[in-house]
Amino acid sequence: GVMNRVVFDSIEPNPSRQTSQAAAAGQVVPYYELESAEDSTLIFESRFESGNLRRAIQIFTCEYDLILRPDINTRGHTQWFYFSVKNMRKGR
């Protein structure tokens, strides 16, 4: 079925995670942590200079909706993307 779960948000912290000492010290803490070695959820990150991924929502096991932040001084047009993705699996 439809999962519809946020797996990355560049602004809002993950409500299901405790604030860690690393986060309190200003370090970037992954929004989503894998639940097991079998967890195939993609890990997104854009909290770095020029990163423009605002939010990633997992719709189905292998389908994600990505919401990008528009460039400043535009009318909402986004012609580029800059973010990282980890935990890709060959053949998936």
PDB file of N, CA and C in Angstrom:
ATOM      1  N   GLY A   1       0.794  -1.179   0.000  1.00  0.00           N
ATOM      2  CA  GLY A   1       0.000   0.000   0.000  1.00  0.00           C
ATOM      3  C   GLY A   1       0.846   1.256   0.000  1.00  0.00           C
ATOM      4  N   VAL A   2       0.177   2.361  -0.021  1.00  0.00           N
ATOM      5  CA  VAL A   2       0.833   3.669  -0.021  1.00  0.00           C
ATOM      6  C   VAL A   2       1.464   3.911   1.346  1.00  0.00           C
ATOM      7  N   MET A   3       2.756   4.277   1.332  1.00  0.00           N
ATOM      8  CA  MET A   3       3.475   4.527   2.584  1.00  0.00           C
ATOM      9  C   MET A   3       3.315   5.980   3.026  1.00  0.00           C
ATOM     10  N   ASN A   4       3.523   6.912   2.080  1.00  0.00           N
ATOM     11  CA  ASN A   4       3.373   8.335   2.339  1.00  0.00           C
ATOM     12  C   ASN A   4       4.097   8.772   3.617  1.00  0.00           C
ATOM     13  N   ARG A   5       5.393   8.460   3.710  1.00  0.00           N
ATOM     14  CA  ARG A   5       6.146   8.854   4.913  1.00  0.00           C
ATOM     15  C   ARG A   5       7.318   9.752   4.540  1.00  0.00           C
ATOM     16  N   VAL A   6       7.506  10.779   5.329  1.00  0.00           N
ATOM     17  CA  VAL A   6       8.605  11.716   5.118  1.00  0.00           C
ATOM     18  C   VAL A   6       9.896  11.031   5.548  1.00  0.00           C
ATOM     19  N   VAL A   7      10.855  10.948   4.606  1.00  0.00           N
ATOM     20  CA  VAL A   7      12.151  10.340   4.919  1.00  0.00           C
ATOM     21  C   VAL A   7      13.265  11.374   4.942  1.00  0.00           C
ATOM     22  N   PHE A   8      12.942  12.618   4.532  1.00  0.00           N
ATOM     23  CA  PHE A   8      13.905  13.709   4.648  1.00  0.00           C
ATOM     24  C   PHE A   8      13.159  15.033   4.672  1.00  0.00           C
ATOM     25  N   ASP A   9      13.606  15.928   5.535  1.00  0.00           N
ATOM     26  CA  ASP A   9      13.110  17.291   5.566  1.00  0.00           C
ATOM     27  C   ASP A   9      14.279  18.184   5.949  1.00  0.00           C
ATOM     28  N   SER A  10      14.559  19.178   5.143  1.00  0.00           N
ATOM     29  CA  SER A  10      15.726  20.023   5.392  1.00  0.00           C
ATOM     30  C   SER A  10      15.497  21.076   6.466  1.00  0.00           C
ATOM     31  N   ILE A  11      14.241  21.268   6.876  1.00  0.00           N
ATOM     32  CA  ILE A  11      13.936  22.307   7.858  1.00  0.00           C
ATOM     33  C   ILE A  11      13.414  21.717   9.169  1.00  0.00           C
ATOM     34  N   GLU A  12      12.393  20.889   9.081  1.00  0.00           N
ATOM     35  CA  GLU A  12      11.772  20.324  10.284  1.00  0.00           C
ATOM     36  C   GLU A  12      12.547  19.089  10.765  1.00  0.00           C
ATOM     37  N   PRO A  13      12.810  18.972  12.060  1.00  0.00           N
ATOM     38  CA  PRO A  13      13.468  17.761  12.572  1.00  0.00           C
ATOM     39  C   PRO A  13      12.499  16.577  12.526  1.00  0.00           C
ATOM     40  N   ASN A  14      13.053  15.383  12.516  1.00  0.00           N
ATOM     41  CA  ASN A  14      12.240  14.171  12.517  1.00  0.00           C
ATOM     42  C   ASN A  14      11.522  14.070  13.864  1.00  0.00           C
ATOM     43  N   PRO A  15      10.193  14.094  13.879  1.00  0.00           N
ATOM     44  CA  PRO A  15       9.464  14.075  15.147  1.00  0.00           C
ATOM     45  C   PRO A  15       9.606  12.761  15.918  1.00  0.00           C
ATOM     46  N   SER A  16      10.024  11.695  15.252  1.00  0.00           N
ATOM     47  CA  SER A  16      10.137  10.403  15.931  1.00  0.00           C
ATOM     48  C   SER A  16      11.536  10.153  16.503  1.00  0.00           C
ATOM     49  N   ARG A  17      12.434  11.121  16.361  1.00  0.00           N
ATOM     50  CA  ARG A  17      13.802  10.953  16.867  1.00  0.00           C
ATOM     51  C   ARG A  17      14.085  11.925  17.988  1.00  0.00           C
ATOM     52  N   GLN A  18      14.820  11.443  18.948  1.00  0.00           N
ATOM     53  CA  GLN A  18      15.261  12.294  20.055  1.00  0.00           C
ATOM     54  C   GLN A  18      16.351  13.240  19.565  1.00  0.00           C
ATOM     55  N   THR A  19      16.442  14.425  20.147  1.00  0.00           N
ATOM     56  CA  THR A  19      17.538  15.330  19.824  1.00  0.00           C
ATOM     57  C   THR A  19      18.806  14.757  20.427  1.00  0.00           C
ATOM     58  N   SER A  20      19.789  14.511  19.590  1.00  0.00           N
ATOM     59  CA  SER A  20      21.029  13.885  20.052  1.00  0.00           C
ATOM     60  C   SER A  20      22.045  14.943  20.465  1.00  0.00           C
ATOM     61  N   GLN A  21      23.106  14.490  21.105  1.00  0.00           N
ATOM     62  CA  GLN A  21      24.190  15.394  21.482  1.00  0.00           C
ATOM     63  C   GLN A  21      24.839  15.982  20.239  1.00  0.00           C
ATOM     64  N   ALA A  22      24.937  15.184  19.152  1.00  0.00           N
ATOM     65  CA  ALA A  22      25.531  15.666  17.907  1.00  0.00           C
ATOM     66  C   ALA A  22      24.709  16.827  17.343  1.00  0.00           C
ATOM     67  N   ALA A  23      23.391  16.681  17.354  1.00  0.00           N
ATOM     68  CA  ALA A  23      22.522  17.745  16.850  1.00  0.00           C
ATOM     69  C   ALA A  23      22.634  18.978  17.737  1.00  0.00           C
ATOM     70  N   ALA A  24      22.696  18.767  19.047  1.00  0.00           N
ATOM     71  CA  ALA A  24      22.823  19.881  19.984  1.00  0.00           C
ATOM     72  C   ALA A  24      24.145  20.622  19.775  1.00  0.00           C
ATOM     73  N   ALA A  25      25.172  19.892  19.298  1.00  0.00           N
ATOM     74  CA  ALA A  25      26.479  20.493  19.048  1.00  0.00           C
ATOM     75  C   ALA A  25      26.548  21.137  17.659  1.00  0.00           C
ATOM     76  N   GLY A  26      25.433  21.132  16.928  1.00  0.00           N
ATOM     77  CA  GLY A  26      25.398  21.773  15.624  1.00  0.00           C
ATOM     78  C   GLY A  26      25.784  20.873  14.467  1.00  0.00           C
ATOM     79  N   GLN A  27      25.984  19.578  14.714  1.00  0.00           N
ATOM     80  CA  GLN A  27      26.320  18.651  13.636  1.00  0.00           C
ATOM     81  C   GLN A  27      25.051  18.221  12.913  1.00  0.00           C
ATOM     82  N   VAL A  28      25.183  17.935  11.627  1.00  0.00           N
ATOM     83  CA  VAL A  28      24.042  17.466  10.841  1.00  0.00           C
ATOM     84  C   VAL A  28      23.822  15.988  11.147  1.00  0.00           C
ATOM     85  N   VAL A  29      22.642  15.678  11.633  1.00  0.00           N
ATOM     86  CA  VAL A  29      22.274  14.306  11.979  1.00  0.00           C
ATOM     87  C   VAL A  29      21.321  13.801  10.898  1.00  0.00           C
ATOM     88  N   PRO A  30      21.524  12.597  10.367  1.00  0.00           N
ATOM     89  CA  PRO A  30      20.623  12.091   9.329  1.00  0.00           C
ATOM     90  C   PRO A  30      19.167  12.145   9.790  1.00  0.00           C
ATOM     91  N   TYR A  31      18.287  12.554   8.880  1.00  0.00           N
ATOM     92  CA  TYR A  31      16.866  12.627   9.200  1.00  0.00           C
ATOM     93  C   TYR A  31      16.305  11.238   9.455  1.00  0.00           C
ATOM     94  N   TYR A  32      16.731  10.279   8.635  1.00  0.00           N
ATOM     95  CA  TYR A  32      16.216   8.910   8.739  1.00  0.00           C
ATOM     96  C   TYR A  32      17.391   7.969   8.963  1.00  0.00           C
ATOM     97  N   GLU A  33      17.253   7.055   9.904  1.00  0.00           N
ATOM     98  CA  GLU A  33      18.258   6.015  10.125  1.00  0.00           C
ATOM     99  C   GLU A  33      17.666   4.678   9.732  1.00  0.00           C
ATOM    100  N   LEU A  34      18.465   3.874   9.060  1.00  0.00           N
ATOM    101  CA  LEU A  34      17.991   2.561   8.631  1.00  0.00           C
ATOM    102  C   LEU A  34      17.594   1.724   9.834  1.00  0.00           C
ATOM    103  N   GLU A  35      16.491   0.989   9.686  1.00  0.00           N
ATOM    104  CA  GLU A  35      15.981   0.163  10.780  1.00  0.00           C
ATOM    105  C   GLU A  35      16.697  -1.172  10.875  1.00  0.00           C
ATOM    106  N   SER A  36      17.257  -1.650   9.747  1.00  0.00           N
ATOM    107  CA  SER A  36      17.988  -2.913   9.722  1.00  0.00           C
ATOM    108  C   SER A  36      18.820  -2.966   8.451  1.00  0.00           C
ATOM    109  N   ALA A  37      19.625  -4.005   8.299  1.00  0.00           N
ATOM    110  CA  ALA A  37      20.432  -4.177   7.086  1.00  0.00           C
ATOM    111  C   ALA A  37      19.549  -4.401   5.855  1.00  0.00           C
ATOM    112  N   GLU A  38      18.340  -4.891   6.067  1.00  0.00           N
ATOM    113  CA  GLU A  38      17.418  -5.151   4.960  1.00  0.00           C
ATOM    114  C   GLU A  38      16.624  -3.919   4.552  1.00  0.00           C
ATOM    115  N   ASP A  39      16.671  -2.869   5.352  1.00  0.00           N
ATOM    116  CA  ASP A  39      15.920  -1.644   5.076  1.00  0.00           C
ATOM    117  C   ASP A  39      16.474  -1.011   3.800  1.00  0.00           C
ATOM    118  N   SER A  40      15.657  -0.903   2.760  1.00  0.00           N
ATOM    119  CA  SER A  40      16.103  -0.367   1.474  1.00  0.00           C
ATOM    120  C   SER A  40      15.677   1.089   1.265  1.00  0.00           C
ATOM    121  N   THR A  41      15.256   1.755   2.321  1.00  0.00           N
ATOM    122  CA  THR A  41      14.866   3.160   2.234  1.00  0.00           C
ATOM    123  C   THR A  41      16.053   4.004   1.784  1.00  0.00           C
ATOM    124  N   LEU A  42      15.829   4.887   0.827  1.00  0.00           N
ATOM    125  CA  LEU A  42      16.896   5.780   0.387  1.00  0.00           C
ATOM    126  C   LEU A  42      17.120   6.867   1.432  1.00  0.00           C
ATOM    127  N   ILE A  43      18.388   7.226   1.628  1.00  0.00           N
ATOM    128  CA  ILE A  43      18.773   8.242   2.598  1.00  0.00           C
ATOM    129  C   ILE A  43      19.146   9.510   1.828  1.00  0.00           C
ATOM    130  N   PHE A  44      18.363  10.563   2.000  1.00  0.00           N
ATOM    131  CA  PHE A  44      18.576  11.828   1.291  1.00  0.00           C
ATOM    132  C   PHE A  44      19.238  12.838   2.220  1.00  0.00           C
ATOM    133  N   GLU A  45      20.015  13.749   1.628  1.00  0.00           N
ATOM    134  CA  GLU A  45      20.622  14.834   2.398  1.00  0.00           C
ATOM    135  C   GLU A  45      20.814  16.042   1.485  1.00  0.00           C
ATOM    136  N   SER A  46      20.490  17.220   1.976  1.00  0.00           N
ATOM    137  CA  SER A  46      20.757  18.454   1.225  1.00  0.00           C
ATOM    138  C   SER A  46      21.079  19.619   2.150  1.00  0.00           C
ATOM    139  N   ARG A  47      21.369  19.321   3.400  1.00  0.00           N
ATOM    140  CA  ARG A  47      21.680  20.392   4.351  1.00  0.00           C
ATOM    141  C   ARG A  47      23.161  20.753   4.254  1.00  0.00           C
ATOM    142  N   PHE A  48      23.527  21.233   3.065  1.00  0.00           N
ATOM    143  CA  PHE A  48      24.871  21.718   2.796  1.00  0.00           C
ATOM    144  C   PHE A  48      24.732  22.886   1.821  1.00  0.00           C
ATOM    145  N   GLU A  49      25.816  23.634   1.616  1.00  0.00           N
ATOM    146  CA  GLU A  49      25.745  24.829   0.780  1.00  0.00           C
ATOM    147  C   GLU A  49      25.210  24.514  -0.616  1.00  0.00           C
ATOM    148  N   SER A  50      24.218  25.236  -1.021  1.00  0.00           N
ATOM    149  CA  SER A  50      23.542  25.132  -2.321  1.00  0.00           C
ATOM    150  C   SER A  50      22.621  23.927  -2.450  1.00  0.00           C
ATOM    151  N   GLY A  51      22.519  23.086  -1.413  1.00  0.00           N
ATOM    152  CA  GLY A  51      21.582  21.959  -1.462  1.00  0.00           C
ATOM    153  C   GLY A  51      20.162  22.499  -1.571  1.00  0.00           C
ATOM    154  N   ASN A  52      19.337  21.915  -2.455  1.00  0.00           N
ATOM    155  CA  ASN A  52      18.001  22.490  -2.638  1.00  0.00           C
ATOM    156  C   ASN A  52      16.867  21.469  -2.511  1.00  0.00           C
ATOM    157  N   LEU A  53      17.131  20.309  -1.925  1.00  0.00           N
ATOM    158  CA  LEU A  53      16.038  19.374  -1.648  1.00  0.00           C
ATOM    159  C   LEU A  53      15.362  19.806  -0.356  1.00  0.00           C
ATOM    160  N   ARG A  54      14.095  20.104  -0.426  1.00  0.00           N
ATOM    161  CA  ARG A  54      13.349  20.544   0.767  1.00  0.00           C
ATOM    162  C   ARG A  54      12.822  19.348   1.540  1.00  0.00           C
ATOM    163  N   ARG A  55      12.219  18.384   0.810  1.00  0.00           N
ATOM    164  CA  ARG A  55      11.603  17.243   1.482  1.00  0.00           C
ATOM    165  C   ARG A  55      11.556  16.057   0.529  1.00  0.00           C
ATOM    166  N   ALA A  56      11.714  14.851   1.079  1.00  0.00           N
ATOM    167  CA  ALA A  56      11.556  13.609   0.320  1.00  0.00           C
ATOM    168  C   ALA A  56      10.497  12.769   1.026  1.00  0.00           C
ATOM    169  N   ILE A  57       9.525  12.314   0.251  1.00  0.00           N
ATOM    170  CA  ILE A  57       8.427  11.522   0.801  1.00  0.00           C
ATOM    171  C   ILE A  57       8.414  10.172   0.105  1.00  0.00           C
ATOM    172  N   GLN A  58       8.494   9.102   0.876  1.00  0.00           N
ATOM    173  CA  GLN A  58       8.443   7.760   0.306  1.00  0.00           C
ATOM    174  C   GLN A  58       6.984   7.398   0.080  1.00  0.00           C
ATOM    175  N   ILE A  59       6.625   7.175  -1.191  1.00  0.00           N
ATOM    176  CA  ILE A  59       5.251   6.858  -1.557  1.00  0.00           C
ATOM    177  C   ILE A  59       5.038   5.345  -1.544  1.00  0.00           C
ATOM    178  N   PHE A  60       5.890   4.632  -2.258  1.00  0.00           N
ATOM    179  CA  PHE A  60       5.906   3.165  -2.266  1.00  0.00           C
ATOM    180  C   PHE A  60       7.332   2.737  -1.982  1.00  0.00           C
ATOM    181  N   THR A  61       7.597   1.447  -1.914  1.00  0.00           N
ATOM    182  CA  THR A  61       8.927   0.944  -1.589  1.00  0.00           C
ATOM    183  C   THR A  61      10.012   1.563  -2.464  1.00  0.00           C
ATOM    184  N   CYS A  62       9.761   1.695  -3.752  1.00  0.00           N
ATOM    185  CA  CYS A  62      10.763   2.227  -4.681  1.00  0.00           C
ATOM    186  C   CYS A  62      10.301   3.503  -5.383  1.00  0.00           C
ATOM    187  N   GLU A  63       9.419   4.269  -4.755  1.00  0.00           N
ATOM    188  CA  GLU A  63       8.939   5.520  -5.353  1.00  0.00           C
ATOM    189  C   GLU A  63       8.942   6.626  -4.309  1.00  0.00           C
ATOM    190  N   TYR A  64       9.527   7.769  -4.693  1.00  0.00           N
ATOM    191  CA  TYR A  64       9.641   8.910  -3.793  1.00  0.00           C
ATOM    192  C   TYR A  64       9.163  10.166  -4.496  1.00  0.00           C
ATOM    193  N   ASP A  65       8.511  11.041  -3.780  1.00  0.00           N
ATOM    194  CA  ASP A  65       8.207  12.383  -4.268  1.00  0.00           C
ATOM    195  C   ASP A  65       9.260  13.302  -3.671  1.00  0.00           C
ATOM    196  N   LEU A  66       9.890  14.120  -4.505  1.00  0.00           N
ATOM    197  CA  LEU A  66      10.911  15.053  -4.056  1.00  0.00           C
ATOM    198  C   LEU A  66      10.399  16.470  -4.241  1.00  0.00           C
ATOM    199  N   ILE A  67      10.506  17.263  -3.198  1.00  0.00           N
ATOM    200  CA  ILE A  67      10.089  18.658  -3.236  1.00  0.00           C
ATOM    201  C   ILE A  67      11.357  19.502  -3.147  1.00  0.00           C
ATOM    202  N   LEU A  68      11.581  20.314  -4.173  1.00  0.00           N
ATOM    203  CA  LEU A  68      12.782  21.136  -4.237  1.00  0.00           C
ATOM    204  C   LEU A  68      12.472  22.562  -3.824  1.00  0.00           C
ATOM    205  N   ARG A  69      13.464  23.222  -3.217  1.00  0.00           N
ATOM    206  CA  ARG A  69      13.331  24.641  -2.881  1.00  0.00           C
ATOM    207  C   ARG A  69      13.630  25.452  -4.140  1.00  0.00           C
ATOM    208  N   PRO A  70      12.783  26.407  -4.480  1.00  0.00           N
ATOM    209  CA  PRO A  70      13.059  27.234  -5.659  1.00  0.00           C
ATOM    210  C   PRO A  70      14.225  28.185  -5.399  1.00  0.00           C
ATOM    211  N   ASP A  71      14.840  28.610  -6.477  1.00  0.00           N
ATOM    212  CA  ASP A  71      15.917  29.590  -6.372  1.00  0.00           C
ATOM    213  C   ASP A  71      15.368  30.918  -5.860  1.00  0.00           C
ATOM    214  N   ILE A  72      16.204  31.641  -5.143  1.00  0.00           N
ATOM    215  CA  ILE A  72      15.844  32.983  -4.678  1.00  0.00           C
ATOM    216  C   ILE A  72      15.714  33.887  -5.907  1.00  0.00           C
ATOM    217  N   ASN A  73      14.831  34.837  -5.846  1.00  0.00           N
ATOM    218  CA  ASN A  73      14.588  35.803  -6.922  1.00  0.00           C
ATOM    219  C   ASN A  73      14.026  35.157  -8.192  1.00  0.00           C
ATOM    220  N   THR A  74      13.286  34.062  -8.024  1.00  0.00           N
ATOM    221  CA  THR A  74      12.576  33.463  -9.156  1.00  0.00           C
ATOM    222  C   THR A  74      11.107  33.381  -8.772  1.00  0.00           C
ATOM    223  N   ARG A  75      10.292  32.982  -9.699  1.00  0.00           N
ATOM    224  CA  ARG A  75       8.868  32.812  -9.428  1.00  0.00           C
ATOM    225  C   ARG A  75       8.539  31.358  -9.167  1.00  0.00           C
ATOM    226  N   GLY A  76       9.474  30.657  -8.512  1.00  0.00           N
ATOM    227  CA  GLY A  76       9.233  29.261  -8.146  1.00  0.00           C
ATOM    228  C   GLY A  76       9.767  28.250  -9.126  1.00  0.00           C
ATOM    229  N   HIS A  77      10.512  28.708 -10.126  1.00  0.00           N
ATOM    230  CA  HIS A  77      11.067  27.778 -11.105  1.00  0.00           C
ATOM    231  C   HIS A  77      12.329  27.131 -10.556  1.00  0.00           C
ATOM    232  N   THR A  78      12.458  25.836 -10.750  1.00  0.00           N
ATOM    233  CA  THR A  78      13.650  25.106 -10.327  1.00  0.00           C
ATOM    234  C   THR A  78      14.171  24.350 -11.537  1.00  0.00           C
ATOM    235  N   GLN A  79      15.365  24.689 -11.980  1.00  0.00           N
ATOM    236  CA  GLN A  79      15.918  24.044 -13.161  1.00  0.00           C
ATOM    237  C   GLN A  79      17.110  23.162 -12.828  1.00  0.00           C
ATOM    238  N   TRP A  80      17.427  22.994 -11.590  1.00  0.00           N
ATOM    239  CA  TRP A  80      18.563  22.176 -11.187  1.00  0.00           C
ATOM    240  C   TRP A  80      18.245  21.518  -9.863  1.00  0.00           C
ATOM    241  N   PHE A  81      19.024  20.536  -9.489  1.00  0.00           N
ATOM    242  CA  PHE A  81      18.877  19.906  -8.182  1.00  0.00           C
ATOM    243  C   PHE A  81      20.259  19.594  -7.645  1.00  0.00           C
ATOM    244  N   TYR A  82      20.378  19.632  -6.313  1.00  0.00           N
ATOM    245  CA  TYR A  82      21.661  19.362  -5.676  1.00  0.00           C
ATOM    246  C   TYR A  82      21.386  18.755  -4.309  1.00  0.00           C
ATOM    247  N   PHE A  83      21.558  17.428  -4.211  1.00  0.00           N
ATOM    248  CA  PHE A  83      21.379  16.699  -2.961  1.00  0.00           C
ATOM    249  C   PHE A  83      22.079  15.363  -3.104  1.00  0.00           C
ATOM    250  N   SER A  84      22.265  14.669  -2.000  1.00  0.00           N
ATOM    251  CA  SER A  84      22.887  13.345  -2.052  1.00  0.00           C
ATOM    252  C   SER A  84      21.861  12.265  -1.723  1.00  0.00           C
ATOM    253  N   VAL A  85      22.126  11.074  -2.235  1.00  0.00           N
ATOM    254  CA  VAL A  85      21.274   9.904  -1.978  1.00  0.00           C
ATOM    255  C   VAL A  85      22.190   8.745  -1.621  1.00  0.00           C
ATOM    256  N   LYS A  86      21.870   8.043  -0.542  1.00  0.00           N
ATOM    257  CA  LYS A  86      22.624   6.851  -0.126  1.00  0.00           C
ATOM    258  C   LYS A  86      21.690   5.668   0.005  1.00  0.00           C
ATOM    259  N   ASN A  87      22.250   4.504   0.118  1.00  0.00           N
ATOM    260  CA  ASN A  87      21.559   3.235   0.331  1.00  0.00           C
ATOM    261  C   ASN A  87      20.848   2.723  -0.929  1.00  0.00           C
ATOM    262  N   MET A  88      21.410   3.080  -2.105  1.00  0.00           N
ATOM    263  CA  MET A  88      20.871   2.540  -3.338  1.00  0.00           C
ATOM    264  C   MET A  88      21.236   1.061  -3.426  1.00  0.00           C
ATOM    265  N   ARG A  89      20.381   0.284  -4.038  1.00  0.00           N
ATOM    266  CA  ARG A  89      20.605  -1.163  -4.198  1.00  0.00           C
ATOM    267  C   ARG A  89      20.585  -1.511  -5.679  1.00  0.00           C
ATOM    268  N   LYS A  90      21.551  -2.276  -6.110  1.00  0.00           N
ATOM    269  CA  LYS A  90      21.610  -2.706  -7.496  1.00  0.00           C
ATOM    270  C   LYS A  90      20.367  -3.520  -7.840  1.00  0.00           C
ATOM    271  N   GLY A  91      19.763  -3.204  -8.990  1.00  0.00           N
ATOM    272  CA  GLY A  91      18.604  -3.955  -9.445  1.00  0.00           C
ATOM    273  C   GLY A  91      17.285  -3.537  -8.828  1.00  0.00           C
ATOM    274  N   ARG A  92      17.260  -2.440  -8.067  1.00  0.00           N
ATOM    275  CA  ARG A  92      16.016  -1.992  -7.419  1.00  0.00           C
ATOM    276  C   ARG A  92      15.600  -0.647  -7.926  1.00  0.00           C
TER     277      ARG A  92
END
